[in-house]
Amino acid sequence: MSYWAKEALKGGKWAGLDWEQKGMSNDQYKIHEEVVAAGRAEERTAGLDKALELADRLTAQRCAEQNGATWSSENWRPASPPG
């Protein structure tokens, strides 16, 4: 998951894939979004290299806390309301 978070922070070619295309569970996607948000904040104050380091640390921490966050892997979430 840190790979995808770092790709989002770097604006990588495949960063725009959705969570299903990245093979994430619902909970993994939630962690991904939290890590990317924290990484963007870190990037503003400390630069991209520090943001990428933070992404690795936070992803490892959050996944450990949720035992991999794979138990919600039915890969379904309700559609977002329009607008």
C-alpha atoms as a PDB file:
ATOM      1  CA  MET A   1       0.000   0.000   0.000  1.00  0.00           C
ATOM      2  CA  SER A   2       2.871   2.383   0.594  1.00  0.00           C
ATOM      3  CA  TYR A   3       3.701   1.993  -3.106  1.00  0.00           C
ATOM      4  CA  TRP A   4       0.337   3.450  -4.101  1.00  0.00           C
ATOM      5  CA  ALA A   5       0.499   6.211  -1.499  1.00  0.00           C
ATOM      6  CA  LYS A   6       3.942   7.223  -2.739  1.00  0.00           C
ATOM      7  CA  GLU A   7       2.775   7.101  -6.355  1.00  0.00           C
ATOM      8  CA  ALA A   8      -0.055   9.475  -5.454  1.00  0.00           C
ATOM      9  CA  LEU A   9       2.361  11.832  -3.709  1.00  0.00           C
ATOM     10  CA  LYS A  10       4.744  11.777  -6.676  1.00  0.00           C
ATOM     11  CA  GLY A  11       1.921  12.105  -9.213  1.00  0.00           C
ATOM     12  CA  GLY A  12       2.994   8.828 -10.839  1.00  0.00           C
ATOM     13  CA  LYS A  13       1.563   7.552 -14.101  1.00  0.00           C
ATOM     14  CA  TRP A  14      -0.754   5.022 -12.425  1.00  0.00           C
ATOM     15  CA  ALA A  15      -1.683   7.144  -9.391  1.00  0.00           C
ATOM     16  CA  GLY A  16      -5.124   7.846 -10.847  1.00  0.00           C
ATOM     17  CA  LEU A  17      -6.268   4.221 -10.783  1.00  0.00           C
ATOM     18  CA  ASP A  18      -9.205   3.668  -8.471  1.00  0.00           C
ATOM     19  CA  TRP A  19      -8.999   1.594  -5.301  1.00  0.00           C
ATOM     20  CA  GLU A  20     -10.388  -1.530  -6.956  1.00  0.00           C
ATOM     21  CA  GLN A  21      -7.851  -1.341  -9.769  1.00  0.00           C
ATOM     22  CA  LYS A  22      -5.154  -1.089  -7.118  1.00  0.00           C
ATOM     23  CA  GLY A  23      -6.551  -4.242  -5.480  1.00  0.00           C
ATOM     24  CA  MET A  24      -7.326  -2.597  -2.165  1.00  0.00           C
ATOM     25  CA  SER A  25      -9.940  -3.538   0.378  1.00  0.00           C
ATOM     26  CA  ASN A  26     -12.246  -0.837   1.721  1.00  0.00           C
ATOM     27  CA  ASP A  27     -10.140  -0.495   4.847  1.00  0.00           C
ATOM     28  CA  GLN A  28      -6.884  -0.425   2.913  1.00  0.00           C
ATOM     29  CA  TYR A  29      -8.296   2.378   0.775  1.00  0.00           C
ATOM     30  CA  LYS A  30      -9.196   4.329   3.900  1.00  0.00           C
ATOM     31  CA  ILE A  31      -5.632   3.933   5.174  1.00  0.00           C
ATOM     32  CA  HIS A  32      -4.305   4.957   1.753  1.00  0.00           C
ATOM     33  CA  GLU A  33      -6.327   8.158   1.791  1.00  0.00           C
ATOM     34  CA  GLU A  34      -5.206   8.997   5.340  1.00  0.00           C
ATOM     35  CA  VAL A  35      -1.561   8.377   4.443  1.00  0.00           C
ATOM     36  CA  VAL A  36      -1.748  10.464   1.266  1.00  0.00           C
ATOM     37  CA  ALA A  37      -3.353  13.365   3.166  1.00  0.00           C
ATOM     38  CA  ALA A  38      -0.651  13.233   5.837  1.00  0.00           C
ATOM     39  CA  GLY A  39       2.013  12.944   3.140  1.00  0.00           C
ATOM     40  CA  ARG A  40       0.730  16.025   1.329  1.00  0.00           C
ATOM     41  CA  ALA A  41       0.849  18.013   4.568  1.00  0.00           C
ATOM     42  CA  GLU A  42       4.398  16.775   5.229  1.00  0.00           C
ATOM     43  CA  GLU A  43       5.425  17.658   1.686  1.00  0.00           C
ATOM     44  CA  ARG A  44       4.286  21.266   2.166  1.00  0.00           C
ATOM     45  CA  THR A  45       6.497  21.700   5.222  1.00  0.00           C
ATOM     46  CA  ALA A  46       9.409  19.302   4.744  1.00  0.00           C
ATOM     47  CA  GLY A  47       9.536  18.336   1.059  1.00  0.00           C
ATOM     48  CA  LEU A  48       8.734  15.302  -1.034  1.00  0.00           C
ATOM     49  CA  ASP A  49      11.494  13.036   0.315  1.00  0.00           C
ATOM     50  CA  LYS A  50      10.189  13.416   3.873  1.00  0.00           C
ATOM     51  CA  ALA A  51       6.627  12.891   2.662  1.00  0.00           C
ATOM     52  CA  LEU A  52       7.633   9.607   1.027  1.00  0.00           C
ATOM     53  CA  GLU A  53       9.382   8.479   4.215  1.00  0.00           C
ATOM     54  CA  LEU A  54       6.268   9.354   6.201  1.00  0.00           C
ATOM     55  CA  ALA A  55       4.131   7.352   3.773  1.00  0.00           C
ATOM     56  CA  ASP A  56       6.225   4.241   4.429  1.00  0.00           C
ATOM     57  CA  ARG A  57       6.072   4.682   8.203  1.00  0.00           C
ATOM     58  CA  LEU A  58       2.368   5.494   8.406  1.00  0.00           C
ATOM     59  CA  THR A  59       1.352   2.701   6.062  1.00  0.00           C
ATOM     60  CA  ALA A  60       3.322   0.153   8.085  1.00  0.00           C
ATOM     61  CA  GLN A  61       1.883   1.483  11.345  1.00  0.00           C
ATOM     62  CA  ARG A  62      -1.749   1.612  10.207  1.00  0.00           C
ATOM     63  CA  CYS A  63      -1.613  -1.805   8.529  1.00  0.00           C
ATOM     64  CA  ALA A  64      -0.083  -3.325  11.664  1.00  0.00           C
ATOM     65  CA  GLU A  65      -2.815  -1.750  13.793  1.00  0.00           C
ATOM     66  CA  GLN A  66      -5.484  -3.310  11.552  1.00  0.00           C
ATOM     67  CA  ASN A  67      -3.718  -6.623  10.921  1.00  0.00           C
ATOM     68  CA  GLY A  68      -3.260  -5.855   7.239  1.00  0.00           C
ATOM     69  CA  ALA A  69      -6.749  -4.384   6.852  1.00  0.00           C
ATOM     70  CA  THR A  70      -7.633  -7.192   4.467  1.00  0.00           C
ATOM     71  CA  TRP A  71     -10.756  -8.491   6.192  1.00  0.00           C
ATOM     72  CA  SER A  72     -13.019  -6.101   4.296  1.00  0.00           C
ATOM     73  CA  SER A  73     -11.765  -7.294   0.952  1.00  0.00           C
ATOM     74  CA  GLU A  74     -15.089  -7.813  -0.720  1.00  0.00           C
ATOM     75  CA  ASN A  75     -14.071  -4.682  -2.684  1.00  0.00           C
ATOM     76  CA  TRP A  76     -17.434  -3.044  -2.552  1.00  0.00           C
ATOM     77  CA  ARG A  77     -18.433   0.299  -1.209  1.00  0.00           C
ATOM     78  CA  PRO A  78     -21.590   2.273  -1.785  1.00  0.00           C
ATOM     79  CA  ALA A  79     -21.564   4.809  -4.572  1.00  0.00           C
ATOM     80  CA  SER A  80     -20.890   8.381  -3.527  1.00  0.00           C
ATOM     81  CA  PRO A  81     -23.875  10.694  -3.794  1.00  0.00           C
ATOM     82  CA  PRO A  82     -23.752  12.947  -6.860  1.00  0.00           C
ATOM     83  CA  GLY A  83     -22.485  16.479  -6.592  1.00  0.00           C
END
